[in-house]
Every structure is written in C-alpha cells, then in structure tokens.
Amino acid sequence: MNTKPYKDKTGIIYKYGEFFPIELSPFGYNETVANEYFPMTKEEIQAKGYKYTDIKKYKGEYKVTMRTQDIPDHIKNVDNKILEEVIECANVHNEEEKKDVCKGVGAFKIIPQELEFYKKQNFPIPRLCPDCRHFERIKQRNPLKLWHRKCTCGGKKSDNNLYDNIVEHFHKAVHCPNEFETTYAPERKEIVYCEPCYLSEVV
C-alpha cells in the first residue's frame, strides 16, 4: 500500500494503516451515525462523493391500516387489535412542514411485548415510527460545540436569582471567578456552575 497506494475517484490517496476510502463503505452516509452528528442533504452527500441510500427503498410491501389520529389517546382504550394494524408515521403528513418529513419507511407495527410495556407504564401508543422517535431524542442532546463561559454563581445565589446557594462557596459572597468550556450555550436558561461551586451544592 505504500508503494502502490489506493487513489479514490476524487484523487485522494490512501496508504497502509489508514481508514478505508469512504467509497468502499457498504452503507450510505445518511445511514450512519456520522449523519446524526453532521447531517447533510442528499445533494451535499453526493457532492462530496459519498454514497447516499434512499431509505424509502426499504419500505417493502405493506398497506397502512391506521392513521395516527385514529389511535386512542389513552392506553387504557387500546386493545390487542392494534397488534394487527400497520400504523402510519405522523411525520408522513407533517402538519407544520405540510410534507413527508419521515426519517424512516413511513409506517410501523406494535409488537405484543411493546404493548405490554406501554400498558404497564401507562404510556400512550407512539405516533412516530422508530426512526423518527430516534431523531427526536437526538435533538435533545447538547451540540458538539463548546462555549467559553463564566460560572453563573453570584456568591449567595445564581446570577439569574433562581437558585439560593445552601452553603458558602470558596469565593465567599463575591461572584465566582472561574471560567470554563461547556456545551451549554450562553443564551440557554440553565444555571451553569463551575465544578467547585457545583460540588459544594450537591456533595
């Protein structure tokens, strides 16, 4: 590989010990975890020479038998007949976007163990397919970015006056001087203490 390195179609050279060229990947970029952290459109993916997979090709042959608006709101009103239904993902007819924004194949089924779990926990039947549910959870993660911030401990209470400290911190009644990197953006409403101030309050 050092004497005869592999050159991909864009001219990038790969030598021994390096990662395999992305064009040899059996998966499309949009099928990998990379797309969760660094999302790109179909056009952007193809412009970089990466493989793009049409997720809808996995759709298979099925016929939707239940729309999400027909699912009972409370789990106590759901019986075992729902196990026979093919439920359409709510994102197929997204009310806000006015178009199909489903990240999966567009429909899903409920399995017996799943229904038993929902009944036991008193959870409603989901309206989104598993893929769309996964991406909704991802939205709740902090971004892969660090902001340089100051500790929001103002001495006896937090800067926004929403929290009163229960003990005296190392900086006494004056504002904490510590600065640090955090995944919490400055415009967010959370109280962000430095490690010493945080540990003083919780330990």
C-alpha atoms as a PDB file:
ATOM      1  CA  MET A   1       0.000   0.000   0.000  1.00  0.00           C
ATOM      2  CA  ASN A   2       2.919   2.360   0.493  1.00  0.00           C
ATOM      3  CA  THR A   3       4.468   1.597  -2.884  1.00  0.00           C
ATOM      4  CA  LYS A   4       1.107   1.329  -4.644  1.00  0.00           C
ATOM      5  CA  PRO A   5      -1.372   3.435  -2.641  1.00  0.00           C
ATOM      6  CA  TYR A   6      -5.066   3.387  -3.436  1.00  0.00           C
ATOM      7  CA  LYS A   7      -6.410   6.511  -5.129  1.00  0.00           C
ATOM      8  CA  ASP A   8     -10.152   7.169  -4.974  1.00  0.00           C
ATOM      9  CA  LYS A   9     -12.239   8.771  -7.708  1.00  0.00           C
ATOM     10  CA  THR A  10     -11.663  12.255  -6.257  1.00  0.00           C
ATOM     11  CA  GLY A  11      -7.879  11.795  -6.254  1.00  0.00           C
ATOM     12  CA  ILE A  12      -7.387  11.275  -2.506  1.00  0.00           C
ATOM     13  CA  ILE A  13      -4.540   8.817  -1.795  1.00  0.00           C
ATOM     14  CA  TYR A  14      -4.913   6.131   0.901  1.00  0.00           C
ATOM     15  CA  LYS A  15      -1.841   4.323   2.252  1.00  0.00           C
ATOM     16  CA  TYR A  16      -1.320   1.362   4.563  1.00  0.00           C
ATOM     17  CA  GLY A  17      -2.825   1.778   8.033  1.00  0.00           C
ATOM     18  CA  GLU A  18      -5.308   4.485   7.097  1.00  0.00           C
ATOM     19  CA  PHE A  19      -9.089   4.211   7.219  1.00  0.00           C
ATOM     20  CA  PHE A  20     -10.678   2.598   4.197  1.00  0.00           C
ATOM     21  CA  PRO A  21     -11.865   5.018   1.496  1.00  0.00           C
ATOM     22  CA  ILE A  22     -15.456   6.065   2.114  1.00  0.00           C
ATOM     23  CA  GLU A  23     -16.431   4.947  -1.383  1.00  0.00           C
ATOM     24  CA  LEU A  24     -15.841   1.352  -0.237  1.00  0.00           C
ATOM     25  CA  SER A  25     -18.393   1.708   2.559  1.00  0.00           C
ATOM     26  CA  PRO A  26     -21.344  -0.680   2.168  1.00  0.00           C
ATOM     27  CA  PHE A  27     -23.598   1.939   3.775  1.00  0.00           C
ATOM     28  CA  GLY A  28     -24.821   5.305   2.605  1.00  0.00           C
ATOM     29  CA  TYR A  29     -23.648   8.336   4.594  1.00  0.00           C
ATOM     30  CA  ASN A  30     -27.245   9.010   5.639  1.00  0.00           C
ATOM     31  CA  GLU A  31     -27.457   5.502   7.179  1.00  0.00           C
ATOM     32  CA  THR A  32     -24.517   6.030   9.524  1.00  0.00           C
ATOM     33  CA  VAL A  33     -24.059   7.701  12.907  1.00  0.00           C
ATOM     34  CA  ALA A  34     -21.984  10.373  11.143  1.00  0.00           C
ATOM     35  CA  ASN A  35     -25.204  11.778   9.685  1.00  0.00           C
ATOM     36  CA  GLU A  36     -26.655  12.165  13.190  1.00  0.00           C
ATOM     37  CA  TYR A  37     -23.813  14.440  14.296  1.00  0.00           C
ATOM     38  CA  PHE A  38     -23.015  16.071  10.949  1.00  0.00           C
ATOM     39  CA  PRO A  39     -26.262  15.984   8.928  1.00  0.00           C
ATOM     40  CA  MET A  40     -26.135  16.722   5.222  1.00  0.00           C
ATOM     41  CA  THR A  41     -28.700  16.852   2.443  1.00  0.00           C
ATOM     42  CA  LYS A  42     -28.714  14.326  -0.386  1.00  0.00           C
ATOM     43  CA  GLU A  43     -27.089  16.894  -2.672  1.00  0.00           C
ATOM     44  CA  GLU A  44     -24.307  17.685  -0.171  1.00  0.00           C
ATOM     45  CA  ILE A  45     -23.588  13.990   0.383  1.00  0.00           C
ATOM     46  CA  GLN A  46     -23.317  13.258  -3.324  1.00  0.00           C
ATOM     47  CA  ALA A  47     -21.243  16.398  -3.982  1.00  0.00           C
ATOM     48  CA  LYS A  48     -18.595  15.078  -1.578  1.00  0.00           C
ATOM     49  CA  GLY A  49     -18.536  11.762  -3.419  1.00  0.00           C
ATOM     50  CA  TYR A  50     -20.186   9.829  -0.598  1.00  0.00           C
ATOM     51  CA  LYS A  51     -22.775   7.141  -1.106  1.00  0.00           C
ATOM     52  CA  TYR A  52     -26.414   8.108  -0.493  1.00  0.00           C
ATOM     53  CA  THR A  53     -29.063   5.493   0.283  1.00  0.00           C
ATOM     54  CA  ASP A  54     -32.727   6.043  -0.422  1.00  0.00           C
ATOM     55  CA  ILE A  55     -34.224   4.876   2.882  1.00  0.00           C
ATOM     56  CA  LYS A  56     -37.634   4.537   1.260  1.00  0.00           C
ATOM     57  CA  LYS A  57     -36.327   1.564  -0.746  1.00  0.00           C
ATOM     58  CA  TYR A  58     -36.595  -0.466   2.473  1.00  0.00           C
ATOM     59  CA  LYS A  59     -40.282   0.338   2.608  1.00  0.00           C
ATOM     60  CA  GLY A  60     -41.350  -3.097   1.411  1.00  0.00           C
ATOM     61  CA  GLU A  61     -44.877  -4.110   0.575  1.00  0.00           C
ATOM     62  CA  TYR A  62     -47.404  -3.043   3.155  1.00  0.00           C
ATOM     63  CA  LYS A  63     -50.685  -1.230   3.353  1.00  0.00           C
ATOM     64  CA  VAL A  64     -51.332   1.335   6.064  1.00  0.00           C
ATOM     65  CA  THR A  65     -54.395   0.300   8.059  1.00  0.00           C
ATOM     66  CA  MET A  66     -54.388   3.002  10.749  1.00  0.00           C
ATOM     67  CA  ARG A  67     -53.594   6.716  10.762  1.00  0.00           C
ATOM     68  CA  THR A  68     -52.143   8.263  13.903  1.00  0.00           C
ATOM     69  CA  GLN A  69     -55.226  10.404  14.500  1.00  0.00           C
ATOM     70  CA  ASP A  70     -57.219   7.178  14.860  1.00  0.00           C
ATOM     71  CA  ILE A  71     -55.067   5.882  17.728  1.00  0.00           C
ATOM     72  CA  PRO A  72     -56.784   6.262  21.126  1.00  0.00           C
ATOM     73  CA  ASP A  73     -55.172   8.982  23.236  1.00  0.00           C
ATOM     74  CA  HIS A  74     -55.105   6.879  26.410  1.00  0.00           C
ATOM     75  CA  ILE A  75     -53.522   3.443  26.612  1.00  0.00           C
ATOM     76  CA  LYS A  76     -56.478   2.128  28.616  1.00  0.00           C
ATOM     77  CA  ASN A  77     -58.594   2.484  25.475  1.00  0.00           C
ATOM     78  CA  VAL A  78     -56.204   0.370  23.377  1.00  0.00           C
ATOM     79  CA  ASP A  79     -56.887  -3.344  22.931  1.00  0.00           C
ATOM     80  CA  ASN A  80     -54.920  -6.171  21.303  1.00  0.00           C
ATOM     81  CA  LYS A  81     -56.433  -5.420  17.896  1.00  0.00           C
ATOM     82  CA  ILE A  82     -53.792  -2.735  17.473  1.00  0.00           C
ATOM     83  CA  LEU A  83     -51.208  -5.519  17.101  1.00  0.00           C
ATOM     84  CA  GLU A  84     -52.742  -6.297  13.707  1.00  0.00           C
ATOM     85  CA  GLU A  85     -52.549  -2.706  12.478  1.00  0.00           C
ATOM     86  CA  VAL A  86     -49.910  -1.106  10.245  1.00  0.00           C
ATOM     87  CA  ILE A  87     -49.697   2.418  11.675  1.00  0.00           C
ATOM     88  CA  GLU A  88     -48.655   5.344   9.503  1.00  0.00           C
ATOM     89  CA  CYS A  89     -45.939   7.599  10.968  1.00  0.00           C
ATOM     90  CA  ALA A  90     -47.292  11.051  11.891  1.00  0.00           C
ATOM     91  CA  ASN A  91     -44.406  12.672  10.009  1.00  0.00           C
ATOM     92  CA  VAL A  92     -45.670  11.324   6.684  1.00  0.00           C
ATOM     93  CA  HIS A  93     -48.338  14.040   6.804  1.00  0.00           C
ATOM     94  CA  ASN A  94     -46.492  16.566   8.968  1.00  0.00           C
ATOM     95  CA  GLU A  95     -48.857  19.418   9.866  1.00  0.00           C
ATOM     96  CA  GLU A  96     -46.104  22.045  10.319  1.00  0.00           C
ATOM     97  CA  GLU A  97     -44.000  21.186   7.271  1.00  0.00           C
ATOM     98  CA  LYS A  98     -47.013  20.268   5.105  1.00  0.00           C
ATOM     99  CA  LYS A  99     -44.993  17.427   3.586  1.00  0.00           C
ATOM    100  CA  ASP A 100     -43.473  13.991   4.262  1.00  0.00           C
ATOM    101  CA  VAL A 101     -40.604  14.512   6.715  1.00  0.00           C
ATOM    102  CA  CYS A 102     -40.468  10.913   7.951  1.00  0.00           C
ATOM    103  CA  LYS A 103     -36.899   9.721   8.564  1.00  0.00           C
ATOM    104  CA  GLY A 104     -37.880   6.062   8.244  1.00  0.00           C
ATOM    105  CA  VAL A 105     -40.015   3.890   5.999  1.00  0.00           C
ATOM    106  CA  GLY A 106     -43.264   5.665   6.850  1.00  0.00           C
ATOM    107  CA  ALA A 107     -45.076   3.061   8.942  1.00  0.00           C
ATOM    108  CA  PHE A 108     -44.629   0.736  11.904  1.00  0.00           C
ATOM    109  CA  LYS A 109     -46.295  -2.037  13.887  1.00  0.00           C
ATOM    110  CA  ILE A 110     -46.702  -2.579  17.604  1.00  0.00           C
ATOM    111  CA  ILE A 111     -45.440  -5.928  18.926  1.00  0.00           C
ATOM    112  CA  PRO A 112     -47.014  -7.730  21.937  1.00  0.00           C
ATOM    113  CA  GLN A 113     -44.102  -7.039  24.322  1.00  0.00           C
ATOM    114  CA  GLU A 114     -44.193  -3.366  23.375  1.00  0.00           C
ATOM    115  CA  LEU A 115     -47.930  -3.087  24.016  1.00  0.00           C
ATOM    116  CA  GLU A 116     -47.498  -4.830  27.361  1.00  0.00           C
ATOM    117  CA  PHE A 117     -44.792  -2.319  28.298  1.00  0.00           C
ATOM    118  CA  TYR A 118     -46.952   0.680  27.340  1.00  0.00           C
ATOM    119  CA  LYS A 119     -49.866  -0.658  29.385  1.00  0.00           C
ATOM    120  CA  LYS A 120     -47.663  -1.391  32.391  1.00  0.00           C
ATOM    121  CA  GLN A 121     -46.068   2.071  32.321  1.00  0.00           C
ATOM    122  CA  ASN A 122     -49.314   3.811  31.346  1.00  0.00           C
ATOM    123  CA  PHE A 123     -47.689   5.270  28.211  1.00  0.00           C
ATOM    124  CA  PRO A 124     -49.694   6.212  25.107  1.00  0.00           C
ATOM    125  CA  ILE A 125     -49.104   4.469  21.782  1.00  0.00           C
ATOM    126  CA  PRO A 126     -46.364   6.357  19.866  1.00  0.00           C
ATOM    127  CA  ARG A 127     -47.330   8.431  16.845  1.00  0.00           C
ATOM    128  CA  LEU A 128     -43.911   8.341  15.192  1.00  0.00           C
ATOM    129  CA  CYS A 129     -42.018   5.445  13.624  1.00  0.00           C
ATOM    130  CA  PRO A 130     -38.878   4.178  15.455  1.00  0.00           C
ATOM    131  CA  ASP A 131     -36.510   6.176  13.215  1.00  0.00           C
ATOM    132  CA  CYS A 132     -38.383   9.449  13.760  1.00  0.00           C
ATOM    133  CA  ARG A 133     -38.508   8.781  17.512  1.00  0.00           C
ATOM    134  CA  HIS A 134     -34.744   8.258  17.496  1.00  0.00           C
ATOM    135  CA  PHE A 135     -34.119  11.584  15.738  1.00  0.00           C
ATOM    136  CA  GLU A 136     -36.469  13.376  18.155  1.00  0.00           C
ATOM    137  CA  ARG A 137     -34.350  12.056  21.040  1.00  0.00           C
ATOM    138  CA  ILE A 138     -31.152  13.169  19.305  1.00  0.00           C
ATOM    139  CA  LYS A 139     -32.489  16.743  19.193  1.00  0.00           C
ATOM    140  CA  GLN A 140     -32.359  16.770  22.999  1.00  0.00           C
ATOM    141  CA  ARG A 141     -28.597  16.180  23.086  1.00  0.00           C
ATOM    142  CA  ASN A 142     -26.265  19.085  23.664  1.00  0.00           C
ATOM    143  CA  PRO A 143     -24.447  20.114  20.457  1.00  0.00           C
ATOM    144  CA  LEU A 144     -20.873  19.056  19.698  1.00  0.00           C
ATOM    145  CA  LYS A 145     -19.620  22.534  20.441  1.00  0.00           C
ATOM    146  CA  LEU A 146     -18.003  24.194  23.442  1.00  0.00           C
ATOM    147  CA  TRP A 147     -18.653  27.749  24.630  1.00  0.00           C
ATOM    148  CA  HIS A 148     -16.257  29.671  26.873  1.00  0.00           C
ATOM    149  CA  ARG A 149     -18.311  30.832  29.837  1.00  0.00           C
ATOM    150  CA  LYS A 150     -18.029  32.173  33.351  1.00  0.00           C
ATOM    151  CA  CYS A 151     -19.502  30.392  36.341  1.00  0.00           C
ATOM    152  CA  THR A 152     -23.011  31.701  36.994  1.00  0.00           C
ATOM    153  CA  CYS A 153     -22.607  31.587  40.765  1.00  0.00           C
ATOM    154  CA  GLY A 154     -23.060  35.141  42.006  1.00  0.00           C
ATOM    155  CA  GLY A 155     -21.949  34.478  45.569  1.00  0.00           C
ATOM    156  CA  LYS A 156     -25.028  33.711  47.629  1.00  0.00           C
ATOM    157  CA  LYS A 157     -27.241  32.836  44.664  1.00  0.00           C
ATOM    158  CA  SER A 158     -27.145  32.209  40.935  1.00  0.00           C
ATOM    159  CA  ASP A 159     -26.844  35.125  38.504  1.00  0.00           C
ATOM    160  CA  ASN A 160     -30.476  34.776  37.435  1.00  0.00           C
ATOM    161  CA  ASN A 161     -31.646  34.778  41.099  1.00  0.00           C
ATOM    162  CA  LEU A 162     -33.494  31.485  40.601  1.00  0.00           C
ATOM    163  CA  TYR A 163     -31.335  29.464  42.989  1.00  0.00           C
ATOM    164  CA  ASP A 164     -30.119  30.259  46.512  1.00  0.00           C
ATOM    165  CA  ASN A 165     -26.889  28.504  47.485  1.00  0.00           C
ATOM    166  CA  ILE A 166     -27.249  26.253  50.518  1.00  0.00           C
ATOM    167  CA  VAL A 167     -23.600  26.552  51.635  1.00  0.00           C
ATOM    168  CA  GLU A 168     -20.862  29.160  51.400  1.00  0.00           C
ATOM    169  CA  HIS A 169     -18.514  28.641  48.435  1.00  0.00           C
ATOM    170  CA  PHE A 170     -14.750  29.201  48.226  1.00  0.00           C
ATOM    171  CA  HIS A 171     -15.253  32.715  46.776  1.00  0.00           C
ATOM    172  CA  LYS A 172     -17.483  33.757  49.702  1.00  0.00           C
ATOM    173  CA  ALA A 173     -20.094  36.440  48.873  1.00  0.00           C
ATOM    174  CA  VAL A 174     -18.438  37.717  45.688  1.00  0.00           C
ATOM    175  CA  HIS A 175     -19.011  36.374  42.182  1.00  0.00           C
ATOM    176  CA  CYS A 176     -17.173  33.168  41.300  1.00  0.00           C
ATOM    177  CA  PRO A 177     -14.054  33.951  39.186  1.00  0.00           C
ATOM    178  CA  ASN A 178     -13.880  30.578  37.418  1.00  0.00           C
ATOM    179  CA  GLU A 179     -14.179  30.253  33.644  1.00  0.00           C
ATOM    180  CA  PHE A 180     -14.527  27.040  31.658  1.00  0.00           C
ATOM    181  CA  GLU A 181     -15.716  25.370  28.460  1.00  0.00           C
ATOM    182  CA  THR A 182     -19.253  23.971  28.359  1.00  0.00           C
ATOM    183  CA  THR A 183     -21.756  22.502  25.902  1.00  0.00           C
ATOM    184  CA  TYR A 184     -24.418  24.839  27.313  1.00  0.00           C
ATOM    185  CA  ALA A 185     -24.775  27.919  25.091  1.00  0.00           C
ATOM    186  CA  PRO A 186     -24.831  31.337  26.840  1.00  0.00           C
ATOM    187  CA  GLU A 187     -28.409  32.035  25.723  1.00  0.00           C
ATOM    188  CA  ARG A 188     -29.738  28.896  27.412  1.00  0.00           C
ATOM    189  CA  LYS A 189     -31.633  29.280  30.678  1.00  0.00           C
ATOM    190  CA  GLU A 190     -29.860  26.562  32.689  1.00  0.00           C
ATOM    191  CA  ILE A 191     -27.750  27.559  35.688  1.00  0.00           C
ATOM    192  CA  VAL A 192     -24.163  26.547  34.873  1.00  0.00           C
ATOM    193  CA  TYR A 193     -21.781  26.347  37.835  1.00  0.00           C
ATOM    194  CA  CYS A 194     -18.087  25.507  37.747  1.00  0.00           C
ATOM    195  CA  GLU A 195     -17.060  22.199  39.307  1.00  0.00           C
ATOM    196  CA  PRO A 196     -16.139  23.559  42.792  1.00  0.00           C
ATOM    197  CA  CYS A 197     -19.417  25.501  43.088  1.00  0.00           C
ATOM    198  CA  TYR A 198     -21.448  22.577  41.800  1.00  0.00           C
ATOM    199  CA  LEU A 199     -19.811  20.108  44.185  1.00  0.00           C
ATOM    200  CA  SER A 200     -20.346  22.497  47.101  1.00  0.00           C
ATOM    201  CA  GLU A 201     -24.079  22.343  46.436  1.00  0.00           C
ATOM    202  CA  VAL A 202     -24.569  18.648  45.697  1.00  0.00           C
ATOM    203  CA  VAL A 203     -21.981  16.788  47.798  1.00  0.00           C
END
